[in-house]
């Protein structure tokens, strides 16, 4: 099963603009995978739920597919992640 580092994944699927940003977010403890705080090197797999805790509230995504390339077109984002409503 394919996996990708969470910091690379957030950048690849256009959730963050740069990998450095996703790395900082992980180090700050605002990124969770399946309700556990994720370090930048944590692997993300299909089916995982990523939650990002912004100041204004949380956004959760379900991982549908792991990108084969470093970045994907923004128009294809919904093939890789699906935003899910937080409980």
PDB file of N, CA and C in Angstrom:
ATOM      1  N   UNK A   1       0.837  -1.192   0.000  1.00  0.00           N
ATOM      2  CA  UNK A   1       0.000   0.000   0.000  1.00  0.00           C
ATOM      3  C   UNK A   1       0.882   1.256   0.000  1.00  0.00           C
ATOM      4  N   UNK A   2       0.543   2.180  -0.862  1.00  0.00           N
ATOM      5  CA  UNK A   2       1.336   3.402  -0.952  1.00  0.00           C
ATOM      6  C   UNK A   2       1.080   4.323   0.231  1.00  0.00           C
ATOM      7  N   UNK A   3       2.123   5.058   0.577  1.00  0.00           N
ATOM      8  CA  UNK A   3       1.959   6.087   1.607  1.00  0.00           C
ATOM      9  C   UNK A   3       2.875   7.255   1.250  1.00  0.00           C
ATOM     10  N   UNK A   4       2.673   8.366   1.923  1.00  0.00           N
ATOM     11  CA  UNK A   4       3.455   9.566   1.662  1.00  0.00           C
ATOM     12  C   UNK A   4       3.567  10.328   2.970  1.00  0.00           C
ATOM     13  N   UNK A   5       4.684  10.995   3.165  1.00  0.00           N
ATOM     14  CA  UNK A   5       4.840  11.822   4.367  1.00  0.00           C
ATOM     15  C   UNK A   5       3.728  12.867   4.415  1.00  0.00           C
ATOM     16  N   UNK A   6       3.217  13.123   5.601  1.00  0.00           N
ATOM     17  CA  UNK A   6       2.113  14.072   5.746  1.00  0.00           C
ATOM     18  C   UNK A   6       2.497  15.468   5.255  1.00  0.00           C
ATOM     19  N   UNK A   7       3.718  15.910   5.526  1.00  0.00           N
ATOM     20  CA  UNK A   7       4.092  17.263   5.079  1.00  0.00           C
ATOM     21  C   UNK A   7       4.123  17.344   3.549  1.00  0.00           C
ATOM     22  N   UNK A   8       4.601  16.289   2.898  1.00  0.00           N
ATOM     23  CA  UNK A   8       4.611  16.261   1.429  1.00  0.00           C
ATOM     24  C   UNK A   8       3.191  16.142   0.882  1.00  0.00           C
ATOM     25  N   UNK A   9       2.382  15.334   1.546  1.00  0.00           N
ATOM     26  CA  UNK A   9       1.013  15.107   1.074  1.00  0.00           C
ATOM     27  C   UNK A   9       0.197  16.397   1.084  1.00  0.00           C
ATOM     28  N   UNK A  10       0.234  17.131   2.187  1.00  0.00           N
ATOM     29  CA  UNK A  10      -0.537  18.375   2.293  1.00  0.00           C
ATOM     30  C   UNK A  10      -0.148  19.344   1.181  1.00  0.00           C
ATOM     31  N   UNK A  11       1.133  19.371   0.858  1.00  0.00           N
ATOM     32  CA  UNK A  11       1.607  20.240  -0.209  1.00  0.00           C
ATOM     33  C   UNK A  11       1.206  19.685  -1.581  1.00  0.00           C
ATOM     34  N   UNK A  12       1.352  18.391  -1.771  1.00  0.00           N
ATOM     35  CA  UNK A  12       1.067  17.776  -3.075  1.00  0.00           C
ATOM     36  C   UNK A  12      -0.403  17.937  -3.484  1.00  0.00           C
ATOM     37  N   UNK A  13      -1.310  17.844  -2.514  1.00  0.00           N
ATOM     38  CA  UNK A  13      -2.732  17.949  -2.852  1.00  0.00           C
ATOM     39  C   UNK A  13      -3.274  19.364  -2.676  1.00  0.00           C
ATOM     40  N   UNK A  14      -2.370  20.332  -2.598  1.00  0.00           N
ATOM     41  CA  UNK A  14      -2.737  21.752  -2.563  1.00  0.00           C
ATOM     42  C   UNK A  14      -3.507  22.196  -1.321  1.00  0.00           C
ATOM     43  N   UNK A  15      -3.297  21.522  -0.209  1.00  0.00           N
ATOM     44  CA  UNK A  15      -3.908  21.998   1.034  1.00  0.00           C
ATOM     45  C   UNK A  15      -3.034  23.119   1.613  1.00  0.00           C
ATOM     46  N   UNK A  16      -1.713  22.972   1.473  1.00  0.00           N
ATOM     47  CA  UNK A  16      -0.810  24.068   1.842  1.00  0.00           C
ATOM     48  C   UNK A  16      -0.056  24.503   0.591  1.00  0.00           C
ATOM     49  N   UNK A  17       0.397  25.763   0.601  1.00  0.00           N
ATOM     50  CA  UNK A  17       1.082  26.301  -0.573  1.00  0.00           C
ATOM     51  C   UNK A  17       2.515  25.801  -0.704  1.00  0.00           C
ATOM     52  N   UNK A  18       3.194  25.607   0.440  1.00  0.00           N
ATOM     53  CA  UNK A  18       4.578  25.142   0.392  1.00  0.00           C
ATOM     54  C   UNK A  18       4.791  24.055   1.430  1.00  0.00           C
ATOM     55  N   UNK A  19       5.750  23.155   1.146  1.00  0.00           N
ATOM     56  CA  UNK A  19       6.003  22.074   2.082  1.00  0.00           C
ATOM     57  C   UNK A  19       6.506  22.605   3.416  1.00  0.00           C
ATOM     58  N   UNK A  20       7.282  23.695   3.379  1.00  0.00           N
ATOM     59  CA  UNK A  20       7.784  24.283   4.630  1.00  0.00           C
ATOM     60  C   UNK A  20       6.628  24.675   5.547  1.00  0.00           C
ATOM     61  N   UNK A  21       5.530  25.130   4.948  1.00  0.00           N
ATOM     62  CA  UNK A  21       4.356  25.516   5.737  1.00  0.00           C
ATOM     63  C   UNK A  21       3.745  24.282   6.395  1.00  0.00           C
ATOM     64  N   UNK A  22       3.579  23.208   5.617  1.00  0.00           N
ATOM     65  CA  UNK A  22       2.984  22.000   6.215  1.00  0.00           C
ATOM     66  C   UNK A  22       3.901  21.409   7.282  1.00  0.00           C
ATOM     67  N   UNK A  23       5.215  21.527   7.068  1.00  0.00           N
ATOM     68  CA  UNK A  23       6.170  21.033   8.062  1.00  0.00           C
ATOM     69  C   UNK A  23       6.019  21.823   9.372  1.00  0.00           C
ATOM     70  N   UNK A  24       5.952  23.154   9.254  1.00  0.00           N
ATOM     71  CA  UNK A  24       5.770  24.003  10.440  1.00  0.00           C
ATOM     72  C   UNK A  24       4.459  23.687  11.148  1.00  0.00           C
ATOM     73  N   UNK A  25       3.391  23.470  10.351  1.00  0.00           N
ATOM     74  CA  UNK A  25       2.093  23.159  10.943  1.00  0.00           C
ATOM     75  C   UNK A  25       2.163  21.852  11.738  1.00  0.00           C
ATOM     76  N   UNK A  26       2.864  20.857  11.191  1.00  0.00           N
ATOM     77  CA  UNK A  26       3.018  19.579  11.905  1.00  0.00           C
ATOM     78  C   UNK A  26       3.814  19.784  13.192  1.00  0.00           C
ATOM     79  N   UNK A  27       4.904  20.551  13.093  1.00  0.00           N
ATOM     80  CA  UNK A  27       5.741  20.793  14.273  1.00  0.00           C
ATOM     81  C   UNK A  27       4.994  21.578  15.342  1.00  0.00           C
ATOM     82  N   UNK A  28       4.048  22.418  14.912  1.00  0.00           N
ATOM     83  CA  UNK A  28       3.264  23.208  15.866  1.00  0.00           C
ATOM     84  C   UNK A  28       2.133  22.392  16.488  1.00  0.00           C
ATOM     85  N   UNK A  29       1.916  21.186  15.984  1.00  0.00           N
ATOM     86  CA  UNK A  29       0.905  20.309  16.566  1.00  0.00           C
ATOM     87  C   UNK A  29      -0.513  20.586  16.105  1.00  0.00           C
ATOM     88  N   UNK A  30      -0.677  21.273  14.966  1.00  0.00           N
ATOM     89  CA  UNK A  30      -2.042  21.564  14.512  1.00  0.00           C
ATOM     90  C   UNK A  30      -2.564  20.534  13.514  1.00  0.00           C
ATOM     91  N   UNK A  31      -1.689  19.608  13.075  1.00  0.00           N
ATOM     92  CA  UNK A  31      -2.107  18.592  12.105  1.00  0.00           C
ATOM     93  C   UNK A  31      -2.277  17.256  12.827  1.00  0.00           C
ATOM     94  N   UNK A  32      -3.432  16.628  12.609  1.00  0.00           N
ATOM     95  CA  UNK A  32      -3.689  15.316  13.212  1.00  0.00           C
ATOM     96  C   UNK A  32      -4.019  14.306  12.121  1.00  0.00           C
ATOM     97  N   UNK A  33      -3.575  13.069  12.327  1.00  0.00           N
ATOM     98  CA  UNK A  33      -3.982  11.962  11.467  1.00  0.00           C
ATOM     99  C   UNK A  33      -4.727  10.991  12.367  1.00  0.00           C
ATOM    100  N   UNK A  34      -5.969  10.712  12.013  1.00  0.00           N
ATOM    101  CA  UNK A  34      -6.811   9.813  12.813  1.00  0.00           C
ATOM    102  C   UNK A  34      -6.805  10.201  14.293  1.00  0.00           C
ATOM    103  N   UNK A  35      -6.987  11.490  14.566  1.00  0.00           N
ATOM    104  CA  UNK A  35      -7.075  12.053  15.923  1.00  0.00           C
ATOM    105  C   UNK A  35      -5.787  12.004  16.728  1.00  0.00           C
ATOM    106  N   UNK A  36      -4.639  11.737  16.077  1.00  0.00           N
ATOM    107  CA  UNK A  36      -3.355  11.777  16.772  1.00  0.00           C
ATOM    108  C   UNK A  36      -2.505  12.857  16.122  1.00  0.00           C
ATOM    109  N   UNK A  37      -1.862  13.689  16.953  1.00  0.00           N
ATOM    110  CA  UNK A  37      -1.004  14.754  16.431  1.00  0.00           C
ATOM    111  C   UNK A  37       0.103  14.126  15.579  1.00  0.00           C
ATOM    112  N   UNK A  38       0.294  14.672  14.366  1.00  0.00           N
ATOM    113  CA  UNK A  38       1.227  14.077  13.407  1.00  0.00           C
ATOM    114  C   UNK A  38       2.505  14.886  13.282  1.00  0.00           C
ATOM    115  N   UNK A  39       3.639  14.179  13.320  1.00  0.00           N
ATOM    116  CA  UNK A  39       4.926  14.806  13.030  1.00  0.00           C
ATOM    117  C   UNK A  39       5.064  14.903  11.510  1.00  0.00           C
ATOM    118  N   UNK A  40       5.965  15.795  11.009  1.00  0.00           N
ATOM    119  CA  UNK A  40       6.096  15.980   9.551  1.00  0.00           C
ATOM    120  C   UNK A  40       6.398  14.699   8.777  1.00  0.00           C
ATOM    121  N   UNK A  41       7.117  13.758   9.381  1.00  0.00           N
ATOM    122  CA  UNK A  41       7.513  12.541   8.664  1.00  0.00           C
ATOM    123  C   UNK A  41       6.482  11.414   8.758  1.00  0.00           C
ATOM    124  N   UNK A  42       5.386  11.655   9.477  1.00  0.00           N
ATOM    125  CA  UNK A  42       4.361  10.611   9.635  1.00  0.00           C
ATOM    126  C   UNK A  42       3.753  10.256   8.287  1.00  0.00           C
ATOM    127  N   UNK A  43       3.638   8.970   8.026  1.00  0.00           N
ATOM    128  CA  UNK A  43       3.060   8.538   6.755  1.00  0.00           C
ATOM    129  C   UNK A  43       1.548   8.610   6.776  1.00  0.00           C
ATOM    130  N   UNK A  44       1.002   9.031   5.658  1.00  0.00           N
ATOM    131  CA  UNK A  44      -0.443   9.090   5.502  1.00  0.00           C
ATOM    132  C   UNK A  44      -0.826   8.054   4.441  1.00  0.00           C
ATOM    133  N   UNK A  45      -1.940   7.344   4.681  1.00  0.00           N
ATOM    134  CA  UNK A  45      -2.371   6.279   3.772  1.00  0.00           C
ATOM    135  C   UNK A  45      -3.818   6.521   3.362  1.00  0.00           C
ATOM    136  N   UNK A  46      -4.249   5.826   2.341  1.00  0.00           N
ATOM    137  CA  UNK A  46      -5.637   5.917   1.890  1.00  0.00           C
ATOM    138  C   UNK A  46      -6.550   5.508   3.040  1.00  0.00           C
ATOM    139  N   UNK A  47      -7.591   6.301   3.266  1.00  0.00           N
ATOM    140  CA  UNK A  47      -8.528   6.004   4.347  1.00  0.00           C
ATOM    141  C   UNK A  47      -8.252   6.783   5.619  1.00  0.00           C
ATOM    142  N   UNK A  48      -7.047   7.357   5.720  1.00  0.00           N
ATOM    143  CA  UNK A  48      -6.730   8.150   6.910  1.00  0.00           C
ATOM    144  C   UNK A  48      -7.564   9.424   6.923  1.00  0.00           C
ATOM    145  N   UNK A  49      -7.803   9.940   8.109  1.00  0.00           N
ATOM    146  CA  UNK A  49      -8.491  11.224   8.246  1.00  0.00           C
ATOM    147  C   UNK A  49      -7.494  12.244   8.783  1.00  0.00           C
ATOM    148  N   UNK A  50      -7.301  13.298   8.007  1.00  0.00           N
ATOM    149  CA  UNK A  50      -6.385  14.369   8.394  1.00  0.00           C
ATOM    150  C   UNK A  50      -7.225  15.530   8.919  1.00  0.00           C
ATOM    151  N   UNK A  51      -6.874  16.022  10.079  1.00  0.00           N
ATOM    152  CA  UNK A  51      -7.561  17.185  10.634  1.00  0.00           C
ATOM    153  C   UNK A  51      -6.543  18.288  10.838  1.00  0.00           C
ATOM    154  N   UNK A  52      -6.879  19.483  10.364  1.00  0.00           N
ATOM    155  CA  UNK A  52      -6.014  20.635  10.563  1.00  0.00           C
ATOM    156  C   UNK A  52      -6.770  21.603  11.452  1.00  0.00           C
ATOM    157  N   UNK A  53      -6.160  21.930  12.594  1.00  0.00           N
ATOM    158  CA  UNK A  53      -6.804  22.804  13.565  1.00  0.00           C
ATOM    159  C   UNK A  53      -6.328  24.241  13.368  1.00  0.00           C
ATOM    160  N   UNK A  54      -7.079  24.986  12.564  1.00  0.00           N
ATOM    161  CA  UNK A  54      -6.772  26.396  12.349  1.00  0.00           C
ATOM    162  C   UNK A  54      -7.307  27.199  13.521  1.00  0.00           C
ATOM    163  N   UNK A  55      -6.893  28.464  13.614  1.00  0.00           N
ATOM    164  CA  UNK A  55      -7.402  29.324  14.687  1.00  0.00           C
ATOM    165  C   UNK A  55      -8.909  29.493  14.596  1.00  0.00           C
ATOM    166  N   UNK A  56      -9.418  29.543  13.364  1.00  0.00           N
ATOM    167  CA  UNK A  56     -10.860  29.758  13.168  1.00  0.00           C
ATOM    168  C   UNK A  56     -11.682  28.480  13.290  1.00  0.00           C
ATOM    169  N   UNK A  57     -11.021  27.347  13.456  1.00  0.00           N
ATOM    170  CA  UNK A  57     -11.746  26.082  13.538  1.00  0.00           C
ATOM    171  C   UNK A  57     -11.007  24.986  12.798  1.00  0.00           C
ATOM    172  N   UNK A  58     -11.524  23.790  12.872  1.00  0.00           N
ATOM    173  CA  UNK A  58     -10.849  22.640  12.270  1.00  0.00           C
ATOM    174  C   UNK A  58     -11.435  22.280  10.918  1.00  0.00           C
ATOM    175  N   UNK A  59     -10.570  21.748  10.057  1.00  0.00           N
ATOM    176  CA  UNK A  59     -11.008  21.215   8.769  1.00  0.00           C
ATOM    177  C   UNK A  59     -10.478  19.791   8.698  1.00  0.00           C
ATOM    178  N   UNK A  60     -11.353  18.848   8.329  1.00  0.00           N
ATOM    179  CA  UNK A  60     -10.937  17.452   8.213  1.00  0.00           C
ATOM    180  C   UNK A  60     -11.035  16.988   6.775  1.00  0.00           C
ATOM    181  N   UNK A  61     -10.112  16.129   6.397  1.00  0.00           N
ATOM    182  CA  UNK A  61     -10.093  15.556   5.054  1.00  0.00           C
ATOM    183  C   UNK A  61      -9.945  14.050   5.160  1.00  0.00           C
ATOM    184  N   UNK A  62     -10.577  13.346   4.250  1.00  0.00           N
ATOM    185  CA  UNK A  62     -10.364  11.905   4.148  1.00  0.00           C
ATOM    186  C   UNK A  62      -9.456  11.671   2.952  1.00  0.00           C
ATOM    187  N   UNK A  63      -8.433  10.848   3.154  1.00  0.00           N
ATOM    188  CA  UNK A  63      -7.479  10.564   2.074  1.00  0.00           C
ATOM    189  C   UNK A  63      -8.083   9.508   1.152  1.00  0.00           C
ATOM    190  N   UNK A  64      -8.258   9.858  -0.128  1.00  0.00           N
ATOM    191  CA  UNK A  64      -8.846   8.942  -1.102  1.00  0.00           C
ATOM    192  C   UNK A  64      -7.780   8.263  -1.952  1.00  0.00           C
ATOM    193  N   UNK A  65      -6.677   8.967  -2.183  1.00  0.00           N
ATOM    194  CA  UNK A  65      -5.650   8.471  -3.086  1.00  0.00           C
ATOM    195  C   UNK A  65      -4.331   9.149  -2.731  1.00  0.00           C
ATOM    196  N   UNK A  66      -3.221   8.434  -2.904  1.00  0.00           N
ATOM    197  CA  UNK A  66      -1.898   9.018  -2.676  1.00  0.00           C
ATOM    198  C   UNK A  66      -1.346   9.462  -4.032  1.00  0.00           C
ATOM    199  N   UNK A  67      -0.935  10.727  -4.154  1.00  0.00           N
ATOM    200  CA  UNK A  67      -0.412  11.199  -5.445  1.00  0.00           C
ATOM    201  C   UNK A  67       0.847  10.454  -5.868  1.00  0.00           C
ATOM    202  N   UNK A  68       0.979  10.208  -7.170  1.00  0.00           N
ATOM    203  CA  UNK A  68       2.180   9.564  -7.716  1.00  0.00           C
ATOM    204  C   UNK A  68       3.254  10.613  -7.956  1.00  0.00           C
ATOM    205  N   UNK A  69       2.820  11.860  -8.137  1.00  0.00           N
ATOM    206  CA  UNK A  69       3.749  12.927  -8.465  1.00  0.00           C
ATOM    207  C   UNK A  69       3.865  13.899  -7.306  1.00  0.00           C
ATOM    208  N   UNK A  70       4.829  14.811  -7.416  1.00  0.00           N
ATOM    209  CA  UNK A  70       5.087  15.764  -6.341  1.00  0.00           C
ATOM    210  C   UNK A  70       3.918  16.724  -6.132  1.00  0.00           C
ATOM    211  N   UNK A  71       3.291  17.116  -7.218  1.00  0.00           N
ATOM    212  CA  UNK A  71       2.127  17.992  -7.093  1.00  0.00           C
ATOM    213  C   UNK A  71       1.059  17.550  -8.079  1.00  0.00           C
ATOM    214  N   UNK A  72      -0.163  17.884  -7.770  1.00  0.00           N
ATOM    215  CA  UNK A  72      -1.283  17.550  -8.652  1.00  0.00           C
ATOM    216  C   UNK A  72      -1.982  18.858  -9.021  1.00  0.00           C
ATOM    217  N   UNK A  73      -2.680  18.903 -10.154  1.00  0.00           N
ATOM    218  CA  UNK A  73      -3.431  20.114 -10.493  1.00  0.00           C
ATOM    219  C   UNK A  73      -4.527  20.350  -9.457  1.00  0.00           C
ATOM    220  N   UNK A  74      -4.757  21.617  -9.134  1.00  0.00           N
ATOM    221  CA  UNK A  74      -5.785  21.948  -8.144  1.00  0.00           C
ATOM    222  C   UNK A  74      -7.147  21.385  -8.535  1.00  0.00           C
ATOM    223  N   UNK A  75      -7.394  21.319  -9.837  1.00  0.00           N
ATOM    224  CA  UNK A  75      -8.688  20.820 -10.317  1.00  0.00           C
ATOM    225  C   UNK A  75      -8.891  19.341  -9.992  1.00  0.00           C
ATOM    226  N   UNK A  76      -7.803  18.629  -9.718  1.00  0.00           N
ATOM    227  CA  UNK A  76      -7.900  17.193  -9.420  1.00  0.00           C
ATOM    228  C   UNK A  76      -7.897  16.903  -7.918  1.00  0.00           C
ATOM    229  N   UNK A  77      -7.895  17.950  -7.103  1.00  0.00           N
ATOM    230  CA  UNK A  77      -7.782  17.772  -5.653  1.00  0.00           C
ATOM    231  C   UNK A  77      -8.821  16.810  -5.087  1.00  0.00           C
ATOM    232  N   UNK A  78     -10.059  16.872  -5.589  1.00  0.00           N
ATOM    233  CA  UNK A  78     -11.114  16.032  -5.009  1.00  0.00           C
ATOM    234  C   UNK A  78     -10.968  14.548  -5.343  1.00  0.00           C
ATOM    235  N   UNK A  79      -9.993  14.199  -6.189  1.00  0.00           N
ATOM    236  CA  UNK A  79      -9.722  12.768  -6.421  1.00  0.00           C
ATOM    237  C   UNK A  79      -8.825  12.208  -5.317  1.00  0.00           C
ATOM    238  N   UNK A  80      -8.148  13.104  -4.609  1.00  0.00           N
ATOM    239  CA  UNK A  80      -7.158  12.687  -3.610  1.00  0.00           C
ATOM    240  C   UNK A  80      -7.636  12.872  -2.176  1.00  0.00           C
ATOM    241  N   UNK A  81      -8.375  13.960  -1.947  1.00  0.00           N
ATOM    242  CA  UNK A  81      -8.903  14.218  -0.605  1.00  0.00           C
ATOM    243  C   UNK A  81     -10.349  14.666  -0.694  1.00  0.00           C
ATOM    244  N   UNK A  82     -11.100  14.300   0.349  1.00  0.00           N
ATOM    245  CA  UNK A  82     -12.496  14.719   0.426  1.00  0.00           C
ATOM    246  C   UNK A  82     -12.655  15.429   1.766  1.00  0.00           C
ATOM    247  N   UNK A  83     -13.169  16.650   1.719  1.00  0.00           N
ATOM    248  CA  UNK A  83     -13.386  17.357   2.973  1.00  0.00           C
ATOM    249  C   UNK A  83     -14.552  16.711   3.687  1.00  0.00           C
ATOM    250  N   UNK A  84     -14.362  16.438   4.966  1.00  0.00           N
ATOM    251  CA  UNK A  84     -15.443  15.820   5.741  1.00  0.00           C
ATOM    252  C   UNK A  84     -15.827  16.770   6.871  1.00  0.00           C
ATOM    253  N   UNK A  85     -17.088  16.765   7.191  1.00  0.00           N
ATOM    254  CA  UNK A  85     -17.574  17.634   8.256  1.00  0.00           C
ATOM    255  C   UNK A  85     -17.134  17.082   9.599  1.00  0.00           C
ATOM    256  N   UNK A  86     -16.645  17.970  10.440  1.00  0.00           N
ATOM    257  CA  UNK A  86     -16.197  17.536  11.774  1.00  0.00           C
ATOM    258  C   UNK A  86     -17.400  17.206  12.647  1.00  0.00           C
ATOM    259  N   UNK A  87     -17.192  16.227  13.507  1.00  0.00           N
ATOM    260  CA  UNK A  87     -18.283  15.811  14.399  1.00  0.00           C
ATOM    261  C   UNK A  87     -18.516  16.895  15.435  1.00  0.00           C
TER     262      UNK A  87
END
